[in-house]
Amino acid sequence: MSKNFVEELRWRGMIHNITPGTEEELAKGPMSAYVGIDPTGDSLHIGHLVSIMILKHFQACGNKPYALVGGATGMIGDPSMKSQERNLLDEQTLAHNVNCIKQQLGRFLDFESDAPNKAELVNNYDWMKDYTFINFTRDIGKLITVNYMMSKDSVKKRLSRDSSEGMSFTEFTYQLLQGYDFLYLYEHEGVKLQLGGADQWGNITTGTELIRRTLGTDAYALTCPLITKADGGKFGKTEKGNIWLDAERTSPYQFYQFWLNVSDEDAERYIKIFTMLDRETIESAIEEHRQDPGRRNLQKLLAQEVTIMVHGQQEYEKAVKASQMLFGKATADDLRSLDEKTFLAVFDGVPTFEISKDKLPVGILDFLAVESSIFPSKGEARKMIQGNGFSLNKEKVTDINRSISEDDIIDGKYILAQKGKKDYYIVIVK
């Protein structure tokens, strides 16, 4: 027996608003639903993950998910929660973004199997590109009043905030276009439910209203809360910006570290929202974590589940190894196996020195106290090496007569020095 979709979301804390009758409609048997995704970039970030996870649960409960990329609406820009108008994208850029997004969605949803509830990707540009302005305003524009559109929070907030600039007609019509998407999918694909973030409630219910006025039938809406951090900070943002699903933009190591470093309070919420683990497993993991929060087992489990889901088992294992580099028992081989991006991410903020390649080979004491100032003097370098407290590229150095050569260079340009347990230095060989 498949799980109850609404119940599943409810205990996970993933329901913000739901239209009356939605649960009853779902109880009648498999249903189709869609989530709209804005293709303004060629990668999704973890802010998109909540609605993707809702689609994933929807499919896991036996229903058919549709991912709608807004090739047409992406050319306009949604005013919801935005302080200013977006730059409009050209067709070529949009086509590239749509293609990249589909590949990323394939990690979460089954698009490929023969199952009757396999996921479908649709693009509203396909049905909007030949729809003339005259026909759209005649067919659709007359069904929804300006009063109704003005009553939406996204419009009211934008107008009150932007009294100087106002809001363009282009953006004002966004909710009509999104509403038409729902009507189109209802008529052509039998999609009766739209899912999305809480900020989309106004746009989604314009769609249910349009369906009611056009076809005289009910359609349904379900939104999830906008995710925040316990301290009130913005979820998914770091000092360096968004946490992306694209490994080129956010390395799997940085992605893993993001989840590993969330607070205890956030870990308890996020493990319900961002993993497919069942209730029993999650509740026992939370209970175990509360007994001994210092071990951060809940964060480790969360980071493991999400990293494997987004980047795969192999990248997860590499990220764990890289994470042990600063604190664990990482070996010289582990260090050399890191790609340059991960190496630099692991040792971000570590003091660096430069040395010219033509100075090599050089004696280790000169390397540490003359060519760099890792040690203030050769005497101090000698003392630490003889006291077994110095490592080069994760290998203990005990010989004060050892020389540093090109064989010691990692990734063609780095040498890693370590004093004691925690003090790292990078020497860049140029």
Protein backbone atom coordinates (compact mmCIF):
# COMPACT_ATOMS: atom_id res chain seq x y z
CA MET A 1 0.00 0.00 0.00
CA SER A 2 1.43 3.39 -0.96
CA LYS A 3 1.89 6.07 1.68
CA ASN A 4 -0.55 8.92 2.21
CA PHE A 5 1.10 11.92 0.55
CA VAL A 6 -0.45 14.63 2.74
CA GLU A 7 0.21 12.68 5.95
CA GLU A 8 3.81 12.14 4.87
CA LEU A 9 4.32 15.88 4.31
CA ARG A 10 2.48 16.84 7.46
CA TRP A 11 4.74 14.99 9.92
CA ARG A 12 7.76 16.29 8.04
CA GLY A 13 6.60 19.90 8.56
CA MET A 14 6.30 20.46 4.81
CA ILE A 15 2.78 21.90 4.54
CA HIS A 16 2.10 25.63 4.78
CA ASN A 17 -1.24 25.93 2.96
CA ILE A 18 -3.57 23.42 1.36
CA THR A 19 -6.88 24.02 -0.41
CA PRO A 20 -9.99 22.31 0.99
CA GLY A 21 -10.73 18.95 -0.65
CA THR A 22 -7.12 18.21 -1.66
CA GLU A 23 -6.74 15.24 0.69
CA GLU A 24 -10.06 13.77 -0.35
CA GLU A 25 -9.14 14.08 -4.04
CA LEU A 26 -5.77 12.36 -3.45
CA ALA A 27 -7.54 9.54 -1.57
CA LYS A 28 -9.44 8.63 -4.76
CA GLY A 29 -6.29 7.26 -6.40
CA PRO A 30 -3.18 8.38 -8.29
CA MET A 31 -3.17 12.03 -9.26
CA SER A 32 -0.96 14.35 -11.33
CA ALA A 33 0.67 17.49 -9.91
CA TYR A 34 3.27 19.99 -10.99
CA VAL A 35 5.88 22.32 -9.58
CA GLY A 36 7.02 25.37 -11.54
CA ILE A 37 10.75 26.03 -11.71
CA ASP A 38 12.16 29.34 -12.86
CA PRO A 39 14.99 28.76 -15.36
CA THR A 40 16.80 32.03 -14.68
CA GLY A 41 20.05 30.10 -14.12
CA ASP A 42 21.61 26.88 -15.44
CA SER A 43 21.70 25.27 -12.00
CA LEU A 44 19.22 24.76 -9.20
CA HIS A 45 20.32 25.67 -5.68
CA ILE A 46 19.22 24.22 -2.36
CA GLY A 47 16.42 26.77 -2.12
CA HIS A 48 14.74 24.75 -4.91
CA LEU A 49 15.20 21.49 -3.01
CA VAL A 50 12.06 21.79 -0.89
CA SER A 51 9.64 21.78 -3.83
CA ILE A 52 11.72 19.10 -5.57
CA MET A 53 11.50 16.92 -2.44
CA ILE A 54 7.72 17.42 -2.42
CA LEU A 55 7.59 16.16 -6.02
CA LYS A 56 9.84 13.24 -5.04
CA HIS A 57 7.46 12.28 -2.19
CA PHE A 58 4.52 12.74 -4.56
CA GLN A 59 6.03 10.24 -7.01
CA ALA A 60 7.04 7.85 -4.18
CA CYS A 61 3.38 7.81 -3.09
CA GLY A 62 2.36 6.50 -6.54
CA ASN A 63 1.38 9.81 -8.17
CA LYS A 64 2.63 11.36 -11.41
CA PRO A 65 4.86 14.46 -11.08
CA TYR A 66 5.35 17.17 -13.67
CA ALA A 67 8.25 19.60 -13.50
CA LEU A 68 7.37 22.75 -15.40
CA VAL A 69 10.26 24.96 -16.41
CA GLY A 70 9.07 28.45 -17.13
CA GLY A 71 10.65 29.15 -20.50
CA ALA A 72 7.95 31.77 -21.15
CA THR A 73 7.43 33.10 -17.62
CA GLY A 74 11.22 33.14 -17.15
CA MET A 75 11.30 35.80 -19.84
CA ILE A 76 9.10 38.01 -17.64
CA GLY A 77 10.04 37.44 -13.99
CA ASP A 78 7.87 36.74 -10.98
CA PRO A 79 7.26 39.76 -8.72
CA SER A 80 6.76 37.52 -5.64
CA MET A 81 9.13 38.60 -2.87
CA LYS A 82 11.36 40.41 -5.36
CA SER A 83 12.38 44.00 -4.79
CA GLN A 84 13.01 44.81 -8.42
CA GLU A 85 12.38 43.60 -11.95
CA ARG A 86 14.54 40.84 -13.33
CA ASN A 87 16.71 40.94 -16.39
CA LEU A 88 14.91 39.21 -19.23
CA LEU A 89 16.61 36.16 -20.78
CA ASP A 90 17.00 35.33 -24.48
CA GLU A 91 15.79 32.06 -26.01
CA GLN A 92 19.26 30.51 -26.36
CA THR A 93 20.14 31.10 -22.70
CA LEU A 94 16.76 29.74 -21.60
CA ALA A 95 17.16 26.58 -23.72
CA HIS A 96 20.58 25.95 -22.15
CA ASN A 97 19.23 26.52 -18.62
CA VAL A 98 16.25 24.20 -19.20
CA ASN A 99 18.52 21.41 -20.40
CA CYS A 100 20.83 21.72 -17.36
CA ILE A 101 17.88 21.79 -14.96
CA LYS A 102 16.39 18.61 -16.45
CA GLN A 103 19.66 16.76 -15.86
CA GLN A 104 19.70 17.87 -12.23
CA LEU A 105 16.04 16.91 -11.70
CA GLY A 106 16.86 13.43 -13.02
CA ARG A 107 18.75 12.76 -9.78
CA PHE A 108 15.54 13.14 -7.79
CA LEU A 109 12.74 12.03 -10.08
CA ASP A 110 12.25 9.02 -12.35
CA PHE A 111 11.89 10.41 -15.88
CA GLU A 112 13.16 7.32 -17.68
CA SER A 113 11.25 4.22 -16.58
CA ASP A 114 8.11 2.66 -18.10
CA ALA A 115 6.14 3.29 -14.89
CA PRO A 116 2.76 4.96 -15.46
CA ASN A 117 3.76 7.63 -12.91
CA LYS A 118 7.14 8.47 -14.44
CA ALA A 119 7.97 12.17 -14.20
CA GLU A 120 7.47 14.53 -17.14
CA LEU A 121 9.31 17.75 -17.92
CA VAL A 122 7.25 20.44 -19.63
CA ASN A 123 8.14 23.95 -20.73
CA ASN A 124 5.47 26.64 -20.84
CA TYR A 125 7.27 28.30 -23.75
CA ASP A 126 5.90 25.45 -25.90
CA TRP A 127 2.29 26.55 -25.45
CA MET A 128 2.87 30.28 -24.99
CA LYS A 129 5.15 31.05 -27.95
CA ASP A 130 2.32 31.09 -30.54
CA TYR A 131 -0.38 32.50 -28.28
CA THR A 132 -1.04 36.05 -29.51
CA PHE A 133 -1.53 38.91 -27.11
CA ILE A 134 -4.99 39.61 -28.52
CA ASN A 135 -6.13 36.01 -28.06
CA PHE A 136 -4.65 35.76 -24.58
CA THR A 137 -6.31 38.94 -23.34
CA ARG A 138 -9.63 37.93 -24.96
CA ASP A 139 -9.62 34.30 -23.70
CA ILE A 140 -7.91 34.64 -20.34
CA GLY A 141 -7.72 38.32 -19.41
CA LYS A 142 -11.48 38.73 -19.20
CA LEU A 143 -11.86 35.90 -16.66
CA ILE A 144 -9.86 37.43 -13.81
CA THR A 145 -10.59 40.94 -12.51
CA VAL A 146 -7.94 43.53 -11.72
CA ASN A 147 -9.43 43.73 -8.20
CA TYR A 148 -8.73 40.01 -7.73
CA MET A 149 -5.14 40.38 -8.99
CA MET A 150 -4.52 43.46 -6.82
CA SER A 151 -5.60 41.58 -3.71
CA LYS A 152 -2.65 39.17 -3.93
CA ASP A 153 0.05 39.65 -1.30
CA SER A 154 2.86 39.53 -3.87
CA VAL A 155 1.31 42.47 -5.73
CA LYS A 156 0.33 44.44 -2.61
CA LYS A 157 3.80 44.11 -1.08
CA ARG A 158 5.50 45.09 -4.29
CA LEU A 159 3.31 48.16 -4.78
CA SER A 160 3.67 49.37 -1.19
CA ARG A 161 7.44 48.85 -1.27
CA ASP A 162 8.05 50.37 -4.67
CA SER A 163 6.00 53.53 -4.63
CA SER A 164 8.67 55.33 -6.65
CA GLU A 165 9.21 52.74 -9.38
CA GLY A 166 5.86 51.01 -9.29
CA MET A 167 5.29 47.67 -10.98
CA SER A 168 5.31 47.13 -14.72
CA PHE A 169 2.35 45.67 -16.61
CA THR A 170 4.68 42.84 -17.63
CA GLU A 171 5.17 41.74 -14.04
CA PHE A 172 1.55 42.39 -13.12
CA THR A 173 0.46 39.87 -15.77
CA TYR A 174 2.77 37.17 -14.35
CA GLN A 175 0.08 35.60 -12.18
CA LEU A 176 -2.26 35.36 -15.20
CA LEU A 177 0.42 33.53 -17.19
CA GLN A 178 1.15 31.17 -14.31
CA GLY A 179 -2.57 30.63 -13.86
CA TYR A 180 -2.86 29.79 -17.55
CA ASP A 181 -0.09 27.16 -17.16
CA PHE A 182 -2.24 25.40 -14.58
CA LEU A 183 -5.30 25.61 -16.84
CA TYR A 184 -3.30 24.27 -19.81
CA LEU A 185 -1.87 21.33 -17.84
CA TYR A 186 -5.30 20.59 -16.35
CA GLU A 187 -6.89 20.44 -19.81
CA HIS A 188 -4.08 18.68 -21.69
CA GLU A 189 -2.43 16.47 -19.05
CA GLY A 190 -5.11 16.06 -16.39
CA VAL A 191 -2.97 17.86 -13.77
CA LYS A 192 -5.27 18.79 -10.90
CA LEU A 193 -2.79 19.91 -8.25
CA GLN A 194 -0.07 22.55 -8.15
CA LEU A 195 2.70 22.40 -5.54
CA GLY A 196 5.16 25.13 -4.61
CA GLY A 197 6.65 27.40 -1.97
CA ALA A 198 4.52 29.53 0.36
CA ASP A 199 5.43 32.65 -1.65
CA GLN A 200 3.64 31.12 -4.67
CA TRP A 201 0.23 30.73 -2.99
CA GLY A 202 -1.22 33.83 -4.70
CA ASN A 203 -0.09 32.77 -8.17
CA ILE A 204 -1.22 29.15 -7.65
CA THR A 205 -4.70 30.11 -6.46
CA THR A 206 -5.10 32.41 -9.47
CA GLY A 207 -4.69 29.17 -11.44
CA THR A 208 -7.34 27.31 -9.43
CA GLU A 209 -9.69 30.28 -9.88
CA LEU A 210 -9.04 30.39 -13.64
CA ILE A 211 -9.82 26.65 -13.93
CA ARG A 212 -13.04 27.12 -11.91
CA ARG A 213 -14.19 30.04 -14.07
CA THR A 214 -13.23 28.41 -17.38
CA LEU A 215 -14.20 24.78 -16.81
CA GLY A 216 -16.45 24.96 -13.76
CA THR A 217 -14.34 22.31 -11.98
CA ASP A 218 -12.09 22.28 -8.93
CA ALA A 219 -8.31 22.27 -8.95
CA TYR A 220 -6.09 22.07 -5.91
CA ALA A 221 -3.06 23.75 -4.33
CA LEU A 222 -0.53 22.78 -1.70
CA THR A 223 2.41 24.93 -0.59
CA CYS A 224 5.35 24.27 1.69
CA PRO A 225 6.81 26.74 4.19
CA LEU A 226 9.74 28.89 3.12
CA ILE A 227 12.73 27.40 4.88
CA THR A 228 14.62 29.60 7.30
CA LYS A 229 17.48 29.05 9.72
CA ALA A 230 16.80 28.93 13.45
CA ASP A 231 18.78 32.15 13.93
CA GLY A 232 16.59 33.92 11.36
CA GLY A 233 19.29 33.93 8.67
CA LYS A 234 18.52 33.05 5.07
CA PHE A 235 18.59 29.33 4.35
CA GLY A 236 21.00 28.12 1.68
CA LYS A 237 23.16 31.22 1.65
CA THR A 238 26.74 31.40 2.88
CA GLU A 239 29.24 34.24 2.79
CA LYS A 240 30.14 33.03 -0.69
CA GLY A 241 26.55 33.00 -1.92
CA ASN A 242 24.10 30.23 -2.84
CA ILE A 243 24.76 26.53 -2.28
CA TRP A 244 24.26 25.13 -5.79
CA LEU A 245 23.46 21.60 -6.91
CA ASP A 246 26.00 21.95 -9.74
CA ALA A 247 29.35 20.51 -8.63
CA GLU A 248 31.19 23.13 -10.69
CA ARG A 249 29.63 25.95 -8.69
CA THR A 250 29.57 24.35 -5.24
CA SER A 251 31.99 21.43 -4.88
CA PRO A 252 30.61 18.24 -3.28
CA TYR A 253 32.98 18.92 -0.36
CA GLN A 254 31.53 22.41 0.21
CA PHE A 255 28.02 21.02 -0.25
CA TYR A 256 28.68 18.31 2.36
CA GLN A 257 30.20 20.86 4.74
CA PHE A 258 27.13 23.08 4.48
CA TRP A 259 24.87 20.34 5.88
CA LEU A 260 27.48 19.17 8.38
CA ASN A 261 27.66 22.64 9.91
CA VAL A 262 23.95 23.35 10.46
CA SER A 263 22.81 23.94 14.03
CA ASP A 264 21.23 21.17 16.13
CA GLU A 265 17.81 22.82 15.88
CA ASP A 266 18.05 23.15 12.10
CA ALA A 267 19.35 19.58 11.69
CA GLU A 268 16.18 18.27 13.39
CA ARG A 269 13.98 20.13 10.89
CA TYR A 270 16.12 19.63 7.80
CA ILE A 271 16.48 15.86 8.16
CA LYS A 272 12.68 15.59 7.81
CA ILE A 273 12.51 17.95 4.85
CA PHE A 274 15.58 17.07 2.79
CA THR A 275 15.84 13.28 3.13
CA MET A 276 13.64 10.32 2.26
CA LEU A 277 14.44 8.52 5.54
CA ASP A 278 11.34 7.10 7.21
CA ARG A 279 9.77 8.47 10.37
CA GLU A 280 11.11 5.75 12.68
CA THR A 281 14.70 6.21 11.45
CA ILE A 282 14.51 10.00 11.76
CA GLU A 283 12.92 10.02 15.21
CA SER A 284 15.47 7.57 16.61
CA ALA A 285 18.33 9.57 15.03
CA ILE A 286 16.99 12.77 16.65
CA GLU A 287 16.63 11.03 20.01
CA GLU A 288 20.15 9.61 19.83
CA HIS A 289 21.52 13.03 18.87
CA ARG A 290 19.84 14.69 21.85
CA GLN A 291 21.62 12.26 24.18
CA ASP A 292 25.02 13.34 22.84
CA PRO A 293 24.85 16.45 20.60
CA GLY A 294 28.64 16.84 20.65
CA ARG A 295 29.10 13.93 18.26
CA ARG A 296 26.95 15.70 15.66
CA ASN A 297 25.61 12.37 14.42
CA LEU A 298 22.40 13.97 13.18
CA GLN A 299 24.32 16.46 11.03
CA LYS A 300 26.50 13.63 9.70
CA LEU A 301 23.44 11.58 8.74
CA LEU A 302 21.77 14.62 7.12
CA ALA A 303 24.94 15.52 5.19
CA GLN A 304 25.37 11.91 4.06
CA GLU A 305 21.80 11.52 2.78
CA VAL A 306 21.63 14.83 0.91
CA THR A 307 25.14 14.61 -0.57
CA ILE A 308 24.55 11.08 -1.89
CA MET A 309 21.19 12.11 -3.33
CA VAL A 310 22.68 15.13 -5.15
CA HIS A 311 26.23 14.01 -5.99
CA GLY A 312 26.31 10.20 -5.58
CA GLN A 313 28.08 7.78 -3.24
CA GLN A 314 31.57 8.28 -4.64
CA GLU A 315 31.57 12.08 -4.27
CA TYR A 316 30.14 11.69 -0.75
CA GLU A 317 33.03 9.40 0.22
CA LYS A 318 35.54 11.89 -1.22
CA ALA A 319 33.87 14.70 0.72
CA VAL A 320 34.13 12.72 3.98
CA LYS A 321 37.82 12.04 3.33
CA ALA A 322 38.41 15.70 2.56
CA SER A 323 36.59 16.67 5.77
CA GLN A 324 38.92 14.45 7.78
CA MET A 325 41.89 16.25 6.26
CA LEU A 326 41.95 18.98 8.90
CA PHE A 327 40.90 16.94 11.91
CA GLY A 328 41.03 13.21 11.19
CA LYS A 329 43.68 10.66 10.32
CA ALA A 330 44.00 11.52 6.63
CA THR A 331 46.98 10.06 4.79
CA ALA A 332 49.36 11.47 2.19
CA ASP A 333 47.48 9.42 -0.45
CA ASP A 334 44.18 10.98 0.67
CA LEU A 335 45.71 14.42 0.29
CA ARG A 336 47.04 13.71 -3.19
CA SER A 337 43.67 12.31 -4.27
CA LEU A 338 41.96 15.68 -3.73
CA ASP A 339 41.28 17.72 -6.85
CA GLU A 340 42.60 21.27 -6.77
CA LYS A 341 39.19 22.86 -6.11
CA THR A 342 38.56 20.64 -3.08
CA PHE A 343 42.14 21.07 -1.83
CA LEU A 344 41.71 24.86 -1.89
CA ALA A 345 38.27 24.62 -0.27
CA VAL A 346 39.57 22.42 2.56
CA PHE A 347 42.47 24.74 3.28
CA ASP A 348 40.60 27.97 2.64
CA GLY A 349 41.98 30.76 4.83
CA VAL A 350 45.23 28.94 5.63
CA PRO A 351 48.36 31.20 5.55
CA THR A 352 50.15 30.91 2.20
CA PHE A 353 53.68 31.55 0.98
CA GLU A 354 55.20 31.49 -2.49
CA ILE A 355 58.46 29.99 -3.66
CA SER A 356 59.98 29.90 -7.12
CA LYS A 357 60.35 26.43 -8.64
CA ASP A 358 63.98 27.17 -9.57
CA LYS A 359 64.82 27.35 -5.83
CA LEU A 360 64.12 23.60 -5.55
CA PRO A 361 65.58 21.38 -4.29
CA VAL A 362 66.13 23.21 -1.00
CA GLY A 363 66.95 21.98 2.50
CA ILE A 364 63.91 21.68 4.74
CA LEU A 365 65.17 24.15 7.35
CA ASP A 366 65.80 26.80 4.67
CA PHE A 367 62.41 26.00 3.15
CA LEU A 368 60.63 26.57 6.47
CA ALA A 369 62.52 29.56 7.88
CA VAL A 370 64.23 31.35 4.97
CA GLU A 371 62.19 30.80 1.78
CA SER A 372 59.00 31.07 3.87
CA SER A 373 58.36 32.21 7.41
CA ILE A 374 56.43 29.14 8.54
CA PHE A 375 58.96 29.13 11.42
CA PRO A 376 60.59 32.29 12.75
CA SER A 377 64.01 30.59 12.77
CA LYS A 378 65.81 27.46 11.65
CA GLY A 379 66.38 26.60 15.32
CA GLU A 380 62.64 26.46 16.02
CA ALA A 381 62.03 24.43 12.84
CA ARG A 382 64.78 21.97 13.86
CA LYS A 383 63.35 21.62 17.38
CA MET A 384 59.82 20.83 16.13
CA ILE A 385 61.01 18.35 13.50
CA GLN A 386 63.17 16.54 16.07
CA GLY A 387 60.22 16.56 18.50
CA ASN A 388 58.09 14.74 15.90
CA GLY A 389 55.68 17.68 15.60
CA PHE A 390 56.00 18.57 11.90
CA SER A 391 54.37 17.03 8.81
CA LEU A 392 54.80 17.72 5.12
CA ASN A 393 51.91 16.74 2.86
CA LYS A 394 50.42 14.69 5.73
CA GLU A 395 53.62 12.70 6.33
CA LYS A 396 55.72 13.11 9.48
CA VAL A 397 59.18 14.56 8.86
CA THR A 398 61.91 13.53 11.31
CA ASP A 399 65.04 14.15 9.24
CA ILE A 400 66.35 17.72 9.53
CA ASN A 401 68.63 17.08 6.54
CA ARG A 402 65.75 16.20 4.21
CA SER A 403 65.42 18.39 1.16
CA ILE A 404 62.28 19.64 -0.56
CA SER A 405 62.10 18.78 -4.27
CA GLU A 406 59.60 18.84 -7.12
CA ASP A 407 58.43 15.37 -5.99
CA ASP A 408 56.82 17.06 -2.98
CA ILE A 409 54.55 19.26 -5.09
CA ILE A 410 50.82 18.43 -5.10
CA ASP A 411 48.57 19.31 -8.05
CA GLY A 412 51.55 20.81 -9.85
CA LYS A 413 51.87 23.77 -7.48
CA TYR A 414 51.18 23.19 -3.77
CA ILE A 415 53.12 21.95 -0.74
CA LEU A 416 51.25 21.53 2.56
CA ALA A 417 53.12 22.10 5.82
CA GLN A 418 51.65 21.30 9.24
CA LYS A 419 52.91 22.36 12.66
CA GLY A 420 51.48 20.35 15.53
CA LYS A 421 47.87 19.22 15.10
CA LYS A 422 46.13 22.32 13.83
CA ASP A 423 48.45 24.83 12.19
CA TYR A 424 48.52 24.46 8.40
CA TYR A 425 50.44 26.44 5.80
CA ILE A 426 50.35 26.25 2.02
CA VAL A 427 53.42 26.97 -0.07
CA ILE A 428 52.60 27.77 -3.70
CA VAL A 429 55.38 26.80 -6.06
CA LYS A 430 55.54 29.11 -9.06
